[in-house]
Amino acid sequence: MKWNTTRFLIDLTMPKVMGIVNVTPDSFSDGGQHASTVAALQHCEKLLKDGADILDIGGESTRPGALPLALEEELARVLPVVREAVKLGVPVSVDTYKPKVMQAVLDLGADIINDIFALRWTEPESVPAPLDGMQVVSRHPGCGVCLMHMHREPQTMQSAPMEGDVVPQVLLFLERIAQHLQRQGVDKSRIAIDPGIGFGKTVAQNFALLARQNELLTGGYPLVAGWSRKSSLAALTGTPLASVTALNVDERMVPSVAAALLAVERGAAIVRVHDVRETVQAIKVLSAIKYIATSGIN
């Protein structure tokens, strides 16, 4: 399987690691650490040294309860970083739901649009007519796109999470959006899907998506798994003596790597992570075991 993007045909025979670059002061995990252009680019270079295959740059926090960011502020944060990151020789993804940001970063050469709203958000002030992400991506000749499932929106998604069996609901949503995008002329090879771990789901529902992840692969789209430092991991792995207090974000590396490895084992093509070096090392171990198992080496 390959993922067709603006400048790169990404071979997904082996799982790929997408390194997170938050150009934000308020992201739940590393907000403020890479908020300047210089700091963000230094982080990009570090992630590449650690083994990242893709960089995912975002300028707006979408943690539960986060307020929307003004278009001008997101552009000011993201564009200087993307302008330089596209020179680093790897695919550059931009985490945004705003059509005007999508268009601006694609004009700079970005390879992938990673959208929590799955291209459904409309820019109401666009002239002469409202603009949505579906239009931006379908008009581009070759960018890749990651469609994510989110229940409700960041401000409200955890106040009333999904109900019932989430796996078929998530699959149906993602397949409908992907098929609609293809009807707009976007080749299937440009599309990846993300079940949206933590975006409007309970802890149990998030782990159901991991346990039954193979059901999400039936449409033939590469799956992006984003478990890194999520609160569901903290809720599950808090120590008995501190069970009332979940692990803070700095203590979530080990369960994050474990979840990424389980996602890869269950068919994820890309894992989106903060802890690139540790995740790359773990995937190498899993890949070696798979190679030995399939090659008949004793």
C-alpha atoms as a PDB file:
ATOM      1  CA  MET A   1       0.000   0.000   0.000  1.00  0.00           C
ATOM      2  CA  LYS A   2       1.188   3.510  -0.827  1.00  0.00           C
ATOM      3  CA  TRP A   3      -0.028   6.959   0.253  1.00  0.00           C
ATOM      4  CA  ASN A   4       0.053   9.470  -2.583  1.00  0.00           C
ATOM      5  CA  THR A   5       0.916  12.994  -1.393  1.00  0.00           C
ATOM      6  CA  THR A   6       2.015  16.269  -2.958  1.00  0.00           C
ATOM      7  CA  ARG A   7       5.720  15.453  -3.336  1.00  0.00           C
ATOM      8  CA  PHE A   8       6.073  11.907  -2.000  1.00  0.00           C
ATOM      9  CA  LEU A   9       4.639   8.492  -2.743  1.00  0.00           C
ATOM     10  CA  ILE A  10       4.881   7.093   0.785  1.00  0.00           C
ATOM     11  CA  ASP A  11       5.515   3.341   0.879  1.00  0.00           C
ATOM     12  CA  LEU A  12       3.476   1.866   3.724  1.00  0.00           C
ATOM     13  CA  THR A  13       4.887  -1.649   3.460  1.00  0.00           C
ATOM     14  CA  MET A  14       6.583  -0.799   6.735  1.00  0.00           C
ATOM     15  CA  PRO A  15       4.760   1.347   9.316  1.00  0.00           C
ATOM     16  CA  LYS A  16       5.624   5.016   9.330  1.00  0.00           C
ATOM     17  CA  VAL A  17       6.084   7.324  12.325  1.00  0.00           C
ATOM     18  CA  MET A  18       4.549  10.802  12.144  1.00  0.00           C
ATOM     19  CA  GLY A  19       6.240  13.202  14.562  1.00  0.00           C
ATOM     20  CA  ILE A  20       4.078  15.860  16.213  1.00  0.00           C
ATOM     21  CA  VAL A  21       5.170  19.505  16.024  1.00  0.00           C
ATOM     22  CA  ASN A  22       2.811  21.695  18.064  1.00  0.00           C
ATOM     23  CA  VAL A  23       3.386  25.369  17.290  1.00  0.00           C
ATOM     24  CA  THR A  24       1.053  26.317  20.129  1.00  0.00           C
ATOM     25  CA  PRO A  25       1.169  27.779  23.641  1.00  0.00           C
ATOM     26  CA  ASP A  26      -1.670  25.588  24.932  1.00  0.00           C
ATOM     27  CA  SER A  27      -1.610  22.027  23.548  1.00  0.00           C
ATOM     28  CA  PHE A  28      -2.402  19.435  26.214  1.00  0.00           C
ATOM     29  CA  SER A  29       0.988  17.732  26.035  1.00  0.00           C
ATOM     30  CA  ASP A  30       3.758  20.107  24.991  1.00  0.00           C
ATOM     31  CA  GLY A  31       2.075  23.479  24.661  1.00  0.00           C
ATOM     32  CA  GLY A  32       4.555  26.337  24.603  1.00  0.00           C
ATOM     33  CA  GLN A  33       7.678  24.225  24.131  1.00  0.00           C
ATOM     34  CA  HIS A  34       7.861  24.800  20.368  1.00  0.00           C
ATOM     35  CA  ALA A  35       5.707  27.919  20.016  1.00  0.00           C
ATOM     36  CA  SER A  36       8.280  30.027  18.176  1.00  0.00           C
ATOM     37  CA  THR A  37       9.339  29.359  14.592  1.00  0.00           C
ATOM     38  CA  VAL A  38      12.938  28.724  15.626  1.00  0.00           C
ATOM     39  CA  ALA A  39      11.951  26.304  18.397  1.00  0.00           C
ATOM     40  CA  ALA A  40       9.498  24.487  16.125  1.00  0.00           C
ATOM     41  CA  LEU A  41      12.091  24.002  13.391  1.00  0.00           C
ATOM     42  CA  GLN A  42      14.647  22.780  15.915  1.00  0.00           C
ATOM     43  CA  HIS A  43      12.061  20.271  17.088  1.00  0.00           C
ATOM     44  CA  CYS A  44      11.452  19.195  13.487  1.00  0.00           C
ATOM     45  CA  GLU A  45      15.155  18.483  13.090  1.00  0.00           C
ATOM     46  CA  LYS A  46      15.250  16.557  16.367  1.00  0.00           C
ATOM     47  CA  LEU A  47      12.288  14.401  15.347  1.00  0.00           C
ATOM     48  CA  LEU A  48      13.977  13.580  12.043  1.00  0.00           C
ATOM     49  CA  LYS A  49      17.176  12.571  13.855  1.00  0.00           C
ATOM     50  CA  ASP A  50      15.041  10.381  16.118  1.00  0.00           C
ATOM     51  CA  GLY A  51      13.637   8.587  13.067  1.00  0.00           C
ATOM     52  CA  ALA A  52      10.396  10.355  12.124  1.00  0.00           C
ATOM     53  CA  ASP A  53       9.195   9.612   8.598  1.00  0.00           C
ATOM     54  CA  ILE A  54       6.610  12.427   8.453  1.00  0.00           C
ATOM     55  CA  LEU A  55       6.312  15.763  10.266  1.00  0.00           C
ATOM     56  CA  ASP A  56       2.850  16.890  11.403  1.00  0.00           C
ATOM     57  CA  ILE A  57       2.726  20.628  12.118  1.00  0.00           C
ATOM     58  CA  GLY A  58      -0.217  22.199  13.926  1.00  0.00           C
ATOM     59  CA  GLY A  59      -0.927  25.712  15.136  1.00  0.00           C
ATOM     60  CA  GLU A  60      -4.190  25.260  17.041  1.00  0.00           C
ATOM     61  CA  SER A  61      -4.820  23.131  20.108  1.00  0.00           C
ATOM     62  CA  THR A  62      -7.786  20.775  19.749  1.00  0.00           C
ATOM     63  CA  ARG A  63      -7.662  19.337  23.253  1.00  0.00           C
ATOM     64  CA  PRO A  64     -11.043  18.886  24.985  1.00  0.00           C
ATOM     65  CA  GLY A  65     -12.474  22.292  25.830  1.00  0.00           C
ATOM     66  CA  ALA A  66     -10.085  24.233  23.597  1.00  0.00           C
ATOM     67  CA  LEU A  67     -11.461  27.456  22.145  1.00  0.00           C
ATOM     68  CA  PRO A  68     -11.198  28.142  18.395  1.00  0.00           C
ATOM     69  CA  LEU A  69      -8.183  30.098  17.188  1.00  0.00           C
ATOM     70  CA  ALA A  70      -8.495  33.087  14.876  1.00  0.00           C
ATOM     71  CA  LEU A  71      -7.509  32.390  11.280  1.00  0.00           C
ATOM     72  CA  GLU A  72      -4.863  35.112  11.229  1.00  0.00           C
ATOM     73  CA  GLU A  73      -3.187  33.769  14.369  1.00  0.00           C
ATOM     74  CA  GLU A  74      -3.062  30.208  13.034  1.00  0.00           C
ATOM     75  CA  LEU A  75      -1.550  31.407   9.765  1.00  0.00           C
ATOM     76  CA  ALA A  76       1.047  33.461  11.658  1.00  0.00           C
ATOM     77  CA  ARG A  77       2.070  30.425  13.706  1.00  0.00           C
ATOM     78  CA  VAL A  78       2.092  27.801  10.972  1.00  0.00           C
ATOM     79  CA  LEU A  79       3.229  29.382   7.706  1.00  0.00           C
ATOM     80  CA  PRO A  80       6.810  30.305   8.754  1.00  0.00           C
ATOM     81  CA  VAL A  81       7.366  26.765  10.035  1.00  0.00           C
ATOM     82  CA  VAL A  82       5.904  25.049   6.979  1.00  0.00           C
ATOM     83  CA  ARG A  83       7.882  27.329   4.640  1.00  0.00           C
ATOM     84  CA  GLU A  84      11.125  25.960   6.115  1.00  0.00           C
ATOM     85  CA  ALA A  85       9.978  22.421   6.954  1.00  0.00           C
ATOM     86  CA  VAL A  86       9.244  21.596   3.301  1.00  0.00           C
ATOM     87  CA  LYS A  87      12.995  21.984   2.692  1.00  0.00           C
ATOM     88  CA  LEU A  88      13.877  19.132   5.090  1.00  0.00           C
ATOM     89  CA  GLY A  89      13.338  16.318   2.583  1.00  0.00           C
ATOM     90  CA  VAL A  90      10.429  14.509   4.232  1.00  0.00           C
ATOM     91  CA  PRO A  91       6.638  14.640   3.854  1.00  0.00           C
ATOM     92  CA  VAL A  92       5.103  17.566   5.728  1.00  0.00           C
ATOM     93  CA  SER A  93       1.584  17.235   7.110  1.00  0.00           C
ATOM     94  CA  VAL A  94      -0.382  20.165   8.489  1.00  0.00           C
ATOM     95  CA  ASP A  95      -2.943  19.607  11.225  1.00  0.00           C
ATOM     96  CA  THR A  96      -5.734  22.082  10.480  1.00  0.00           C
ATOM     97  CA  TYR A  97      -9.456  22.206   9.760  1.00  0.00           C
ATOM     98  CA  LYS A  98      -9.552  25.716   8.294  1.00  0.00           C
ATOM     99  CA  PRO A  99      -9.823  25.766   4.476  1.00  0.00           C
ATOM    100  CA  LYS A 100      -7.805  28.975   4.139  1.00  0.00           C
ATOM    101  CA  VAL A 101      -4.959  27.496   6.176  1.00  0.00           C
ATOM    102  CA  MET A 102      -5.102  24.350   4.041  1.00  0.00           C
ATOM    103  CA  GLN A 103      -4.825  26.391   0.870  1.00  0.00           C
ATOM    104  CA  ALA A 104      -1.990  28.507   2.235  1.00  0.00           C
ATOM    105  CA  VAL A 105       0.155  25.552   3.341  1.00  0.00           C
ATOM    106  CA  LEU A 106      -0.509  23.648   0.125  1.00  0.00           C
ATOM    107  CA  ASP A 107       0.650  26.725  -1.777  1.00  0.00           C
ATOM    108  CA  LEU A 108       3.923  26.430   0.182  1.00  0.00           C
ATOM    109  CA  GLY A 109       4.329  22.786  -0.832  1.00  0.00           C
ATOM    110  CA  ALA A 110       2.883  20.890   2.135  1.00  0.00           C
ATOM    111  CA  ASP A 111       2.190  17.252   1.349  1.00  0.00           C
ATOM    112  CA  ILE A 112      -0.702  16.238   3.604  1.00  0.00           C
ATOM    113  CA  ILE A 113      -3.744  17.859   5.179  1.00  0.00           C
ATOM    114  CA  ASN A 114      -4.583  16.242   8.536  1.00  0.00           C
ATOM    115  CA  ASP A 115      -8.094  17.359   9.490  1.00  0.00           C
ATOM    116  CA  ILE A 116      -9.945  16.566  12.719  1.00  0.00           C
ATOM    117  CA  PHE A 117     -13.207  17.699  11.070  1.00  0.00           C
ATOM    118  CA  ALA A 118     -12.669  15.419   8.039  1.00  0.00           C
ATOM    119  CA  LEU A 119     -13.013  18.372   5.630  1.00  0.00           C
ATOM    120  CA  ARG A 120     -16.494  19.306   6.896  1.00  0.00           C
ATOM    121  CA  TRP A 121     -15.714  22.684   8.451  1.00  0.00           C
ATOM    122  CA  THR A 122     -16.831  25.638   6.352  1.00  0.00           C
ATOM    123  CA  GLU A 123     -15.154  29.034   6.260  1.00  0.00           C
ATOM    124  CA  PRO A 124     -18.196  31.308   6.583  1.00  0.00           C
ATOM    125  CA  GLU A 125     -16.489  34.527   5.547  1.00  0.00           C
ATOM    126  CA  SER A 126     -15.034  33.241   2.285  1.00  0.00           C
ATOM    127  CA  VAL A 127     -15.717  35.337  -0.786  1.00  0.00           C
ATOM    128  CA  PRO A 128     -17.562  34.922  -3.093  1.00  0.00           C
ATOM    129  CA  ALA A 129     -18.973  31.754  -1.498  1.00  0.00           C
ATOM    130  CA  PRO A 130     -18.426  29.642   1.648  1.00  0.00           C
ATOM    131  CA  LEU A 131     -15.338  27.444   1.378  1.00  0.00           C
ATOM    132  CA  ASP A 132     -14.764  24.028   2.956  1.00  0.00           C
ATOM    133  CA  GLY A 133     -11.847  21.641   3.138  1.00  0.00           C
ATOM    134  CA  MET A 134     -13.437  19.253   0.672  1.00  0.00           C
ATOM    135  CA  GLN A 135     -13.178  21.941  -2.002  1.00  0.00           C
ATOM    136  CA  VAL A 136      -9.572  22.792  -1.188  1.00  0.00           C
ATOM    137  CA  VAL A 137      -8.354  19.186  -1.236  1.00  0.00           C
ATOM    138  CA  SER A 138     -10.361  18.164  -4.312  1.00  0.00           C
ATOM    139  CA  ARG A 139      -8.983  21.111  -6.286  1.00  0.00           C
ATOM    140  CA  HIS A 140      -5.388  20.230  -5.441  1.00  0.00           C
ATOM    141  CA  PRO A 141      -3.733  17.912  -7.977  1.00  0.00           C
ATOM    142  CA  GLY A 142      -2.073  15.554  -5.535  1.00  0.00           C
ATOM    143  CA  CYS A 143      -2.019  16.308  -1.812  1.00  0.00           C
ATOM    144  CA  GLY A 144      -2.607  13.537   0.679  1.00  0.00           C
ATOM    145  CA  VAL A 145      -5.365  13.852   3.257  1.00  0.00           C
ATOM    146  CA  CYS A 146      -6.071  12.241   6.614  1.00  0.00           C
ATOM    147  CA  LEU A 147      -9.763  12.166   7.514  1.00  0.00           C
ATOM    148  CA  MET A 148     -10.395  11.916  11.253  1.00  0.00           C
ATOM    149  CA  HIS A 149     -13.551  11.000  13.114  1.00  0.00           C
ATOM    150  CA  MET A 150     -14.607  13.443  15.818  1.00  0.00           C
ATOM    151  CA  HIS A 151     -17.865  13.395  17.759  1.00  0.00           C
ATOM    152  CA  ARG A 152     -19.186  16.949  18.122  1.00  0.00           C
ATOM    153  CA  GLU A 153     -16.313  19.491  18.410  1.00  0.00           C
ATOM    154  CA  PRO A 154     -13.360  20.186  20.756  1.00  0.00           C
ATOM    155  CA  GLN A 155     -15.377  22.440  23.092  1.00  0.00           C
ATOM    156  CA  THR A 156     -18.125  19.858  23.631  1.00  0.00           C
ATOM    157  CA  MET A 157     -16.834  16.457  22.567  1.00  0.00           C
ATOM    158  CA  GLN A 158     -16.116  15.120  26.055  1.00  0.00           C
ATOM    159  CA  SER A 159     -19.146  16.663  27.746  1.00  0.00           C
ATOM    160  CA  ALA A 160     -21.412  14.185  25.941  1.00  0.00           C
ATOM    161  CA  PRO A 161     -19.348  11.371  24.362  1.00  0.00           C
ATOM    162  CA  MET A 162     -20.678   8.920  21.808  1.00  0.00           C
ATOM    163  CA  GLU A 163     -23.143   6.226  22.780  1.00  0.00           C
ATOM    164  CA  GLY A 164     -23.354   2.579  21.751  1.00  0.00           C
ATOM    165  CA  ASP A 165     -20.900   0.537  19.717  1.00  0.00           C
ATOM    166  CA  VAL A 166     -18.507   3.110  18.309  1.00  0.00           C
ATOM    167  CA  VAL A 167     -16.618   0.886  15.877  1.00  0.00           C
ATOM    168  CA  PRO A 168     -19.298   0.598  13.164  1.00  0.00           C
ATOM    169  CA  GLN A 169     -20.279   4.236  13.678  1.00  0.00           C
ATOM    170  CA  VAL A 170     -16.709   5.449  13.164  1.00  0.00           C
ATOM    171  CA  LEU A 171     -16.217   3.168  10.155  1.00  0.00           C
ATOM    172  CA  LEU A 172     -19.441   4.293   8.488  1.00  0.00           C
ATOM    173  CA  PHE A 173     -18.605   7.969   8.972  1.00  0.00           C
ATOM    174  CA  LEU A 174     -15.066   7.676   7.605  1.00  0.00           C
ATOM    175  CA  GLU A 175     -16.098   5.585   4.613  1.00  0.00           C
ATOM    176  CA  ARG A 176     -18.876   8.014   3.698  1.00  0.00           C
ATOM    177  CA  ILE A 177     -16.527  11.014   3.786  1.00  0.00           C
ATOM    178  CA  ALA A 178     -13.808   9.142   1.863  1.00  0.00           C
ATOM    179  CA  GLN A 179     -16.254   8.021  -0.803  1.00  0.00           C
ATOM    180  CA  HIS A 180     -17.655  11.524  -1.156  1.00  0.00           C
ATOM    181  CA  LEU A 181     -14.129  12.867  -1.574  1.00  0.00           C
ATOM    182  CA  GLN A 182     -13.479  10.333  -4.310  1.00  0.00           C
ATOM    183  CA  ARG A 183     -16.636  11.451  -6.097  1.00  0.00           C
ATOM    184  CA  GLN A 184     -15.074  14.929  -6.120  1.00  0.00           C
ATOM    185  CA  GLY A 185     -12.151  13.512  -8.108  1.00  0.00           C
ATOM    186  CA  VAL A 186      -9.649  12.652  -5.357  1.00  0.00           C
ATOM    187  CA  ASP A 187      -7.956   9.315  -5.967  1.00  0.00           C
ATOM    188  CA  LYS A 188      -8.317   6.738  -3.215  1.00  0.00           C
ATOM    189  CA  SER A 189      -4.524   6.472  -2.979  1.00  0.00           C
ATOM    190  CA  ARG A 190      -4.452  10.019  -1.513  1.00  0.00           C
ATOM    191  CA  ILE A 191      -6.756   9.197   1.417  1.00  0.00           C
ATOM    192  CA  ALA A 192      -5.922   7.921   4.923  1.00  0.00           C
ATOM    193  CA  ILE A 193      -8.288   7.592   7.884  1.00  0.00           C
ATOM    194  CA  ASP A 194      -7.977   8.188  11.626  1.00  0.00           C
ATOM    195  CA  PRO A 195     -10.556   6.873  14.157  1.00  0.00           C
ATOM    196  CA  GLY A 196      -9.982   9.914  16.396  1.00  0.00           C
ATOM    197  CA  ILE A 197      -8.877   8.414  19.691  1.00  0.00           C
ATOM    198  CA  GLY A 198     -10.064  10.701  22.492  1.00  0.00           C
ATOM    199  CA  PHE A 199     -12.252  12.864  20.299  1.00  0.00           C
ATOM    200  CA  GLY A 200     -15.695  12.408  21.825  1.00  0.00           C
ATOM    201  CA  LYS A 201     -15.251   8.843  23.045  1.00  0.00           C
ATOM    202  CA  THR A 202     -15.140   7.257  26.481  1.00  0.00           C
ATOM    203  CA  VAL A 203     -12.085   5.389  27.737  1.00  0.00           C
ATOM    204  CA  ALA A 204     -13.786   2.063  27.004  1.00  0.00           C
ATOM    205  CA  GLN A 205     -14.770   3.196  23.517  1.00  0.00           C
ATOM    206  CA  ASN A 206     -11.230   4.275  22.725  1.00  0.00           C
ATOM    207  CA  PHE A 207      -9.881   0.872  23.680  1.00  0.00           C
ATOM    208  CA  ALA A 208     -12.653  -0.837  21.709  1.00  0.00           C
ATOM    209  CA  LEU A 209     -11.369   1.002  18.631  1.00  0.00           C
ATOM    210  CA  LEU A 210      -7.909  -0.416  19.300  1.00  0.00           C
ATOM    211  CA  ALA A 211      -9.058  -3.937  20.142  1.00  0.00           C
ATOM    212  CA  ARG A 212     -11.201  -4.105  16.980  1.00  0.00           C
ATOM    213  CA  GLN A 213      -9.046  -1.918  14.789  1.00  0.00           C
ATOM    214  CA  ASN A 214      -9.015  -4.547  12.046  1.00  0.00           C
ATOM    215  CA  GLU A 215     -12.682  -3.738  11.389  1.00  0.00           C
ATOM    216  CA  LEU A 216     -11.658  -0.217  10.395  1.00  0.00           C
ATOM    217  CA  LEU A 217      -9.353  -1.552   7.671  1.00  0.00           C
ATOM    218  CA  THR A 218     -12.077  -3.120   5.549  1.00  0.00           C
ATOM    219  CA  GLY A 219     -12.308  -0.132   3.193  1.00  0.00           C
ATOM    220  CA  GLY A 220      -8.670  -0.463   2.177  1.00  0.00           C
ATOM    221  CA  TYR A 221      -7.541   2.952   3.448  1.00  0.00           C
ATOM    222  CA  PRO A 222      -4.272   3.373   5.397  1.00  0.00           C
ATOM    223  CA  LEU A 223      -5.045   3.938   9.074  1.00  0.00           C
ATOM    224  CA  VAL A 224      -3.376   6.647  11.170  1.00  0.00           C
ATOM    225  CA  ALA A 225      -3.362   5.889  14.911  1.00  0.00           C
ATOM    226  CA  GLY A 226      -3.024   8.800  17.320  1.00  0.00           C
ATOM    227  CA  TRP A 227      -2.713   7.403  20.832  1.00  0.00           C
ATOM    228  CA  SER A 228       0.233   9.493  21.954  1.00  0.00           C
ATOM    229  CA  ARG A 229      -0.118  10.758  25.562  1.00  0.00           C
ATOM    230  CA  LYS A 230      -3.921  10.556  25.425  1.00  0.00           C
ATOM    231  CA  SER A 231      -5.860  10.761  28.686  1.00  0.00           C
ATOM    232  CA  SER A 232      -7.343   7.283  28.186  1.00  0.00           C
ATOM    233  CA  LEU A 233      -3.859   5.848  28.656  1.00  0.00           C
ATOM    234  CA  ALA A 234      -3.405   7.872  31.818  1.00  0.00           C
ATOM    235  CA  ALA A 235      -6.762   6.757  33.178  1.00  0.00           C
ATOM    236  CA  LEU A 236      -5.873   3.116  32.591  1.00  0.00           C
ATOM    237  CA  THR A 237      -2.299   3.121  33.847  1.00  0.00           C
ATOM    238  CA  GLY A 238      -2.373   5.281  36.977  1.00  0.00           C
ATOM    239  CA  THR A 239      -0.772   3.463  39.896  1.00  0.00           C
ATOM    240  CA  PRO A 240      -3.073   2.014  42.585  1.00  0.00           C
ATOM    241  CA  LEU A 241      -1.702   4.384  45.226  1.00  0.00           C
ATOM    242  CA  ALA A 242      -2.513   7.319  42.992  1.00  0.00           C
ATOM    243  CA  SER A 243      -5.584   5.923  41.268  1.00  0.00           C
ATOM    244  CA  VAL A 244      -7.572   9.087  41.838  1.00  0.00           C
ATOM    245  CA  THR A 245      -4.975  11.115  39.948  1.00  0.00           C
ATOM    246  CA  ALA A 246      -4.257  10.035  36.386  1.00  0.00           C
ATOM    247  CA  LEU A 247      -0.714  10.097  35.060  1.00  0.00           C
ATOM    248  CA  ASN A 248       0.360  13.533  33.917  1.00  0.00           C
ATOM    249  CA  VAL A 249       1.475  14.009  30.319  1.00  0.00           C
ATOM    250  CA  ASP A 250       5.175  13.619  31.111  1.00  0.00           C
ATOM    251  CA  GLU A 251       4.529  10.146  32.527  1.00  0.00           C
ATOM    252  CA  ARG A 252       2.640   8.785  29.517  1.00  0.00           C
ATOM    253  CA  MET A 253       5.518   7.814  27.236  1.00  0.00           C
ATOM    254  CA  VAL A 254       5.566   4.091  28.064  1.00  0.00           C
ATOM    255  CA  PRO A 255       1.808   3.495  27.634  1.00  0.00           C
ATOM    256  CA  SER A 256       1.894   5.670  24.500  1.00  0.00           C
ATOM    257  CA  VAL A 257       4.572   3.497  22.928  1.00  0.00           C
ATOM    258  CA  ALA A 258       2.697   0.357  23.964  1.00  0.00           C
ATOM    259  CA  ALA A 259      -0.504   1.632  22.340  1.00  0.00           C
ATOM    260  CA  ALA A 260       1.346   2.638  19.169  1.00  0.00           C
ATOM    261  CA  LEU A 261       2.903  -0.823  18.961  1.00  0.00           C
ATOM    262  CA  LEU A 262      -0.469  -2.522  19.440  1.00  0.00           C
ATOM    263  CA  ALA A 263      -1.956  -0.291  16.757  1.00  0.00           C
ATOM    264  CA  VAL A 264       0.804  -1.238  14.319  1.00  0.00           C
ATOM    265  CA  GLU A 265       0.382  -4.916  15.160  1.00  0.00           C
ATOM    266  CA  ARG A 266      -3.323  -4.538  14.337  1.00  0.00           C
ATOM    267  CA  GLY A 267      -2.667  -2.954  10.978  1.00  0.00           C
ATOM    268  CA  ALA A 268      -2.074   0.782  11.484  1.00  0.00           C
ATOM    269  CA  ALA A 269       0.069   2.139   8.655  1.00  0.00           C
ATOM    270  CA  ILE A 270       1.076   5.372  10.433  1.00  0.00           C
ATOM    271  CA  VAL A 271       1.368   6.230  14.114  1.00  0.00           C
ATOM    272  CA  ARG A 272       1.235   9.892  15.126  1.00  0.00           C
ATOM    273  CA  VAL A 273       3.440  10.371  18.191  1.00  0.00           C
ATOM    274  CA  HIS A 274       5.297  12.792  20.429  1.00  0.00           C
ATOM    275  CA  ASP A 275       7.952  10.280  21.524  1.00  0.00           C
ATOM    276  CA  VAL A 276       9.471   9.443  18.152  1.00  0.00           C
ATOM    277  CA  ARG A 277      12.755   7.811  19.187  1.00  0.00           C
ATOM    278  CA  GLU A 278      11.141   5.383  21.610  1.00  0.00           C
ATOM    279  CA  THR A 279       8.347   4.509  19.177  1.00  0.00           C
ATOM    280  CA  VAL A 280      10.784   3.877  16.310  1.00  0.00           C
ATOM    281  CA  GLN A 281      12.829   1.564  18.535  1.00  0.00           C
ATOM    282  CA  ALA A 282       9.756  -0.408  19.576  1.00  0.00           C
ATOM    283  CA  ILE A 283       8.545  -0.793  15.986  1.00  0.00           C
ATOM    284  CA  LYS A 284      11.966  -2.100  14.971  1.00  0.00           C
ATOM    285  CA  VAL A 285      11.641  -4.875  17.552  1.00  0.00           C
ATOM    286  CA  LEU A 286       8.160  -5.768  16.321  1.00  0.00           C
ATOM    287  CA  SER A 287       9.325  -5.716  12.684  1.00  0.00           C
ATOM    288  CA  ALA A 288      12.222  -8.040  13.500  1.00  0.00           C
ATOM    289  CA  ILE A 289       9.883 -10.522  15.183  1.00  0.00           C
ATOM    290  CA  LYS A 290       7.511 -10.432  12.205  1.00  0.00           C
ATOM    291  CA  TYR A 291      10.394 -10.961   9.790  1.00  0.00           C
ATOM    292  CA  ILE A 292      11.658 -13.978  11.694  1.00  0.00           C
ATOM    293  CA  ALA A 293       8.157 -15.427  11.962  1.00  0.00           C
ATOM    294  CA  THR A 294       7.494 -15.129   8.222  1.00  0.00           C
ATOM    295  CA  SER A 295      10.949 -16.096   6.934  1.00  0.00           C
ATOM    296  CA  GLY A 296      11.204 -19.411   8.755  1.00  0.00           C
ATOM    297  CA  ILE A 297      14.452 -18.546  10.547  1.00  0.00           C
ATOM    298  CA  ASN A 298      15.110 -20.875  13.493  1.00  0.00           C
END
